[in-house]
């Protein structure tokens, strides 16, 4: 089975955009051009009859820019203040852009405490379903302004794991994480030129989790480790997940067209029984490995 082509038929889709995807890395200000394209893609998916839920990072980054802070706030109170300023501004941008296409949208603010409570989670699910039934696009963000003790509840991880929990809660067909990376590599490609790209992940084990190295950008907080955690949540709930690069926002269309972009994490219900699908070794690495094998054979002779 071509699991990429199956993505064409997905109907309920959660798309998470990271801070680095919708803001300029040099300034932290919102990238309005990319946001406009992103909204156009979402509206077009709605026109195809698909249900779309957006999980958007960026409130702290937008608030930080509005408040004139040059560095990412370190204290919890300052982060929450930035989020309080940024959430309204970010949602205003979404509202304006969606309105140009006569598409209704709604802001949904969640905290991890909300989804840990069965009663609150069920209430949130009912709200989401009602919004989708009314052809509204929910725009979700973590309610950083009131999020409580991180030591007890933990953080969502720049909305990566929250998007997975939302996808699991709603029984979504697909979760797409748009980030500042192409997908999963066997090692950090910036440090190891022999790192190989992982096209498809059939299961998540300790070895795969060890691949999740590195950190997020200055304006985001989620590294690969949080994305693998999101994949565990999603795939266990029967949701396929793709990590793709948000530099080109139209990559979303490529994913849903079944093209081989990003890293596809197959759900436990996919029926896939093979191993991980890796990109071929680089030519330089193959030559080096070939020469090494020749030398080893000569020594044995």
Protein backbone atom coordinates (compact mmCIF):
# COMPACT_ATOMS: atom_id res chain seq x y z
CA UNK A 1 0.00 0.00 0.00
CA UNK A 2 1.20 3.52 -0.82
CA UNK A 3 0.61 5.22 2.51
CA UNK A 4 1.40 8.63 1.01
CA UNK A 5 -1.49 8.37 -1.43
CA UNK A 6 -3.81 7.54 1.46
CA UNK A 7 -3.20 11.07 2.76
CA UNK A 8 -5.24 12.40 -0.17
CA UNK A 9 -8.39 10.97 1.38
CA UNK A 10 -7.98 12.47 4.85
CA UNK A 11 -11.04 14.46 5.89
CA UNK A 12 -10.41 15.81 9.39
CA UNK A 13 -7.03 17.51 9.52
CA UNK A 14 -5.21 19.29 12.35
CA UNK A 15 -2.45 21.63 11.15
CA UNK A 16 0.03 23.12 13.57
CA UNK A 17 2.14 26.09 12.55
CA UNK A 18 5.20 26.95 14.62
CA UNK A 19 6.36 30.40 15.60
CA UNK A 20 9.24 30.22 13.12
CA UNK A 21 6.76 29.44 10.33
CA UNK A 22 4.56 32.52 10.68
CA UNK A 23 7.05 35.13 11.92
CA UNK A 24 10.23 36.66 10.53
CA UNK A 25 13.26 35.11 12.29
CA UNK A 26 15.18 38.40 12.13
CA UNK A 27 12.55 40.45 13.96
CA UNK A 28 9.94 38.12 15.45
CA UNK A 29 7.21 40.13 13.72
CA UNK A 30 4.36 38.32 11.96
CA UNK A 31 4.96 37.30 8.35
CA UNK A 32 1.71 38.60 6.91
CA UNK A 33 2.47 37.34 3.41
CA UNK A 34 2.88 33.78 4.62
CA UNK A 35 -0.12 34.05 6.93
CA UNK A 36 -2.28 35.16 4.00
CA UNK A 37 -1.13 32.18 1.91
CA UNK A 38 -1.71 29.84 4.87
CA UNK A 39 -5.27 31.06 5.32
CA UNK A 40 -5.93 30.71 1.57
CA UNK A 41 -4.77 27.07 1.75
CA UNK A 42 -7.04 26.41 4.73
CA UNK A 43 -10.07 27.95 3.01
CA UNK A 44 -9.38 25.89 -0.10
CA UNK A 45 -9.28 22.73 2.02
CA UNK A 46 -12.63 23.72 3.47
CA UNK A 47 -13.92 24.21 -0.08
CA UNK A 48 -12.92 20.60 -0.79
CA UNK A 49 -15.16 19.46 2.04
CA UNK A 50 -12.39 18.82 4.57
CA UNK A 51 -12.62 19.78 8.23
CA UNK A 52 -9.66 21.85 9.35
CA UNK A 53 -8.42 22.70 12.85
CA UNK A 54 -5.47 25.07 13.23
CA UNK A 55 -3.09 25.01 16.18
CA UNK A 56 -1.10 28.22 15.99
CA UNK A 57 1.99 29.20 17.90
CA UNK A 58 3.22 32.75 17.87
CA UNK A 59 1.37 34.63 20.59
CA UNK A 60 4.43 35.09 22.81
CA UNK A 61 6.57 36.05 19.81
CA UNK A 62 4.02 38.56 18.51
CA UNK A 63 3.52 39.98 22.00
CA UNK A 64 7.25 40.19 22.58
CA UNK A 65 7.63 42.20 19.36
CA UNK A 66 4.72 44.50 20.27
CA UNK A 67 6.24 45.18 23.69
CA UNK A 68 9.65 45.94 22.21
CA UNK A 69 11.52 43.09 23.91
CA UNK A 70 14.70 42.11 22.07
CA UNK A 71 15.16 38.71 23.70
CA UNK A 72 12.82 35.86 24.53
CA UNK A 73 11.34 36.48 28.01
CA UNK A 74 12.75 34.12 30.63
CA UNK A 75 10.39 34.63 33.55
CA UNK A 76 6.99 32.98 33.58
CA UNK A 77 5.20 36.26 34.36
CA UNK A 78 6.83 38.06 31.43
CA UNK A 79 6.04 35.19 29.04
CA UNK A 80 2.43 35.29 30.14
CA UNK A 81 2.31 39.07 29.70
CA UNK A 82 3.67 38.71 26.16
CA UNK A 83 1.10 36.01 25.45
CA UNK A 84 -1.74 38.18 26.73
CA UNK A 85 -0.71 40.97 24.34
CA UNK A 86 0.09 38.66 21.44
CA UNK A 87 -2.98 36.39 21.50
CA UNK A 88 -5.37 39.19 20.63
CA UNK A 89 -3.10 40.58 17.92
CA UNK A 90 -2.51 37.18 16.35
CA UNK A 91 -6.21 36.33 16.33
CA UNK A 92 -7.04 39.72 14.83
CA UNK A 93 -4.75 38.87 11.89
CA UNK A 94 -6.42 35.47 11.40
CA UNK A 95 -9.90 37.00 11.61
CA UNK A 96 -9.09 39.66 9.02
CA UNK A 97 -7.52 37.20 6.58
CA UNK A 98 -10.28 34.60 6.90
CA UNK A 99 -12.92 37.32 6.45
CA UNK A 100 -11.50 38.13 3.02
CA UNK A 101 -12.71 34.69 1.91
CA UNK A 102 -15.97 34.88 3.86
CA UNK A 103 -14.78 32.06 6.12
CA UNK A 104 -15.84 32.10 9.74
CA UNK A 105 -13.29 31.28 12.40
CA UNK A 106 -13.16 31.01 16.18
CA UNK A 107 -10.44 31.24 18.77
CA UNK A 108 -10.08 28.31 21.17
CA UNK A 109 -7.65 28.75 24.08
CA UNK A 110 -6.58 25.56 25.86
CA UNK A 111 -4.30 24.63 28.71
CA UNK A 112 -2.82 21.23 29.47
CA UNK A 113 -4.89 21.14 32.67
CA UNK A 114 -8.01 21.40 30.51
CA UNK A 115 -7.18 18.31 28.47
CA UNK A 116 -6.12 16.34 31.55
CA UNK A 117 -9.59 16.77 33.02
CA UNK A 118 -12.03 14.27 31.50
CA UNK A 119 -14.99 16.59 32.01
CA UNK A 120 -13.19 19.63 30.55
CA UNK A 121 -11.83 17.61 27.63
CA UNK A 122 -15.30 16.31 26.78
CA UNK A 123 -16.68 19.84 26.91
CA UNK A 124 -13.89 21.05 24.61
CA UNK A 125 -14.61 18.19 22.20
CA UNK A 126 -18.28 19.15 22.03
CA UNK A 127 -17.32 22.76 21.32
CA UNK A 128 -14.95 21.74 18.52
CA UNK A 129 -17.53 19.46 16.93
CA UNK A 130 -20.19 22.17 17.07
CA UNK A 131 -17.85 24.68 15.43
CA UNK A 132 -16.93 22.23 12.68
CA UNK A 133 -20.60 21.41 12.08
CA UNK A 134 -21.21 25.12 11.52
CA UNK A 135 -18.35 25.31 8.99
CA UNK A 136 -16.15 27.33 11.34
CA UNK A 137 -12.35 26.95 11.36
CA UNK A 138 -11.13 26.71 14.99
CA UNK A 139 -7.80 28.44 15.67
CA UNK A 140 -6.26 26.91 18.78
CA UNK A 141 -3.52 28.24 20.98
CA UNK A 142 -2.24 27.37 24.42
CA UNK A 143 -3.63 29.86 26.90
CA UNK A 144 -0.16 30.89 28.07
CA UNK A 145 -1.55 33.89 29.92
CA UNK A 146 -3.18 31.68 32.57
CA UNK A 147 -1.29 28.38 32.26
CA UNK A 148 -0.35 27.18 35.74
CA UNK A 149 2.40 25.23 37.48
CA UNK A 150 4.61 23.74 34.73
CA UNK A 151 6.35 21.48 37.26
CA UNK A 152 3.08 19.63 37.89
CA UNK A 153 1.31 19.82 34.56
CA UNK A 154 4.24 20.26 32.19
CA UNK A 155 4.32 22.47 29.11
CA UNK A 156 2.86 21.53 25.75
CA UNK A 157 6.18 22.09 23.99
CA UNK A 158 5.45 24.98 21.64
CA UNK A 159 2.05 23.47 20.86
CA UNK A 160 3.48 20.28 19.34
CA UNK A 161 2.06 17.90 21.92
CA UNK A 162 -1.08 20.01 22.33
CA UNK A 163 -1.83 19.67 18.63
CA UNK A 164 -1.43 15.89 18.99
CA UNK A 165 -3.76 15.85 21.98
CA UNK A 166 -6.32 17.90 20.06
CA UNK A 167 -6.03 15.51 17.10
CA UNK A 168 -6.50 12.53 19.42
CA UNK A 169 -9.42 14.18 21.22
CA UNK A 170 -11.27 14.87 17.97
CA UNK A 171 -10.42 11.59 16.27
CA UNK A 172 -8.66 13.42 13.43
CA UNK A 173 -7.40 11.58 10.37
CA UNK A 174 -4.15 13.49 10.04
CA UNK A 175 -1.90 15.85 11.99
CA UNK A 176 0.56 18.06 10.09
CA UNK A 177 3.32 19.84 12.01
CA UNK A 178 4.71 22.73 9.99
CA UNK A 179 8.09 23.58 11.47
CA UNK A 180 11.53 24.99 10.64
CA UNK A 181 12.92 21.55 9.78
CA UNK A 182 12.40 19.15 6.86
CA UNK A 183 11.53 16.25 9.11
CA UNK A 184 13.36 13.60 11.13
CA UNK A 185 16.99 12.67 10.54
CA UNK A 186 18.99 9.82 12.04
CA UNK A 187 21.26 12.48 13.55
CA UNK A 188 21.63 16.24 13.57
CA UNK A 189 22.37 17.04 9.87
CA UNK A 190 24.03 20.33 10.84
CA UNK A 191 26.66 18.43 12.79
CA UNK A 192 26.75 15.08 11.02
CA UNK A 193 26.96 15.18 7.19
CA UNK A 194 26.21 11.45 7.12
CA UNK A 195 22.83 11.86 8.80
CA UNK A 196 20.06 10.23 6.76
CA UNK A 197 16.56 11.57 6.32
CA UNK A 198 13.71 9.41 7.62
CA UNK A 199 10.85 9.33 5.11
CA UNK A 200 8.50 7.01 6.98
CA UNK A 201 8.29 5.87 10.60
CA UNK A 202 6.40 2.65 11.22
CA UNK A 203 6.85 2.58 15.00
CA UNK A 204 8.43 4.69 17.72
CA UNK A 205 11.06 3.05 19.89
CA UNK A 206 13.94 4.20 22.08
CA UNK A 207 16.33 4.39 19.13
CA UNK A 208 13.97 6.70 17.27
CA UNK A 209 13.49 8.87 20.33
CA UNK A 210 17.26 9.26 20.57
CA UNK A 211 17.19 10.83 17.12
CA UNK A 212 15.19 13.72 18.55
CA UNK A 213 18.09 16.01 19.27
CA UNK A 214 18.49 19.76 19.01
CA UNK A 215 16.45 22.73 20.15
CA UNK A 216 14.01 25.15 18.66
CA UNK A 217 14.77 28.56 17.27
CA UNK A 218 15.07 31.75 19.28
CA UNK A 219 11.40 32.52 18.75
CA UNK A 220 10.07 28.98 19.28
CA UNK A 221 10.52 26.41 22.02
CA UNK A 222 9.76 23.08 20.38
CA UNK A 223 12.61 20.87 19.18
CA UNK A 224 12.45 17.44 17.57
CA UNK A 225 11.98 15.74 20.95
CA UNK A 226 8.58 17.41 21.40
CA UNK A 227 7.60 16.41 17.87
CA UNK A 228 8.41 12.78 18.53
CA UNK A 229 6.36 13.00 21.73
CA UNK A 230 3.52 14.44 19.62
CA UNK A 231 3.92 11.55 17.18
CA UNK A 232 3.60 9.02 20.02
CA UNK A 233 0.36 10.63 21.18
CA UNK A 234 -1.09 10.91 17.69
CA UNK A 235 -0.14 7.48 16.35
CA UNK A 236 -1.35 5.72 19.51
CA UNK A 237 -4.71 7.44 18.97
CA UNK A 238 -4.88 6.22 15.37
CA UNK A 239 -3.83 9.51 13.77
CA UNK A 240 -1.18 9.68 11.04
CA UNK A 241 1.27 12.55 11.46
CA UNK A 242 3.62 14.42 9.11
CA UNK A 243 6.47 16.75 10.05
CA UNK A 244 7.24 19.15 7.20
CA UNK A 245 9.15 22.36 6.61
CA UNK A 246 7.07 25.51 6.92
CA UNK A 247 9.45 27.69 4.90
CA UNK A 248 7.22 26.98 1.92
CA UNK A 249 3.70 27.01 3.31
CA UNK A 250 2.40 25.33 0.14
CA UNK A 251 4.08 22.16 1.36
CA UNK A 252 0.73 21.50 3.04
CA UNK A 253 -0.76 20.95 -0.42
CA UNK A 254 2.11 18.61 -1.32
CA UNK A 255 1.50 16.52 1.81
CA UNK A 256 -2.20 16.22 1.04
CA UNK A 257 -1.45 15.41 -2.59
CA UNK A 258 0.46 12.34 -1.42
CA UNK A 259 3.89 13.64 -2.40
CA UNK A 260 6.96 12.31 -0.58
CA UNK A 261 7.72 15.35 1.56
CA UNK A 262 8.47 15.49 5.26
CA UNK A 263 8.50 12.55 7.64
CA UNK A 264 5.35 10.45 7.84
CA UNK A 265 4.59 8.76 11.17
CA UNK A 266 2.08 5.97 10.56
CA UNK A 267 -0.64 5.33 13.10
CA UNK A 268 -0.89 2.02 14.91
CA UNK A 269 -3.97 1.25 12.80
CA UNK A 270 -2.17 1.65 9.48
CA UNK A 271 -1.35 -2.03 9.10
CA UNK A 272 2.27 -1.23 8.28
CA UNK A 273 4.69 -3.91 9.48
CA UNK A 274 7.99 -2.79 7.92
CA UNK A 275 10.84 -0.80 9.39
CA UNK A 276 11.68 2.86 9.01
CA UNK A 277 12.13 4.09 5.44
CA UNK A 278 15.38 6.03 5.19
CA UNK A 279 16.76 8.17 2.40
CA UNK A 280 19.78 6.69 0.58
CA UNK A 281 23.20 7.38 2.00
CA UNK A 282 24.90 10.41 0.50
CA UNK A 283 27.27 9.69 -2.38
CA UNK A 284 30.26 10.89 -0.38
CA UNK A 285 29.32 8.63 2.53
CA UNK A 286 28.80 5.66 0.21
CA UNK A 287 32.24 6.15 -1.34
CA UNK A 288 33.85 6.45 2.09
CA UNK A 289 32.08 3.33 3.34
CA UNK A 290 33.00 1.43 0.15
CA UNK A 291 36.66 2.34 0.48
CA UNK A 292 36.62 1.35 4.14
CA UNK A 293 35.19 -2.07 3.26
CA UNK A 294 37.88 -2.55 0.60
CA UNK A 295 40.60 -1.75 3.12
CA UNK A 296 39.10 -4.18 5.63
CA UNK A 297 39.02 -6.96 3.01
CA UNK A 298 42.69 -6.29 2.13
CA UNK A 299 43.70 -6.53 5.79
CA UNK A 300 41.87 -9.84 6.16
CA UNK A 301 43.71 -11.20 3.11
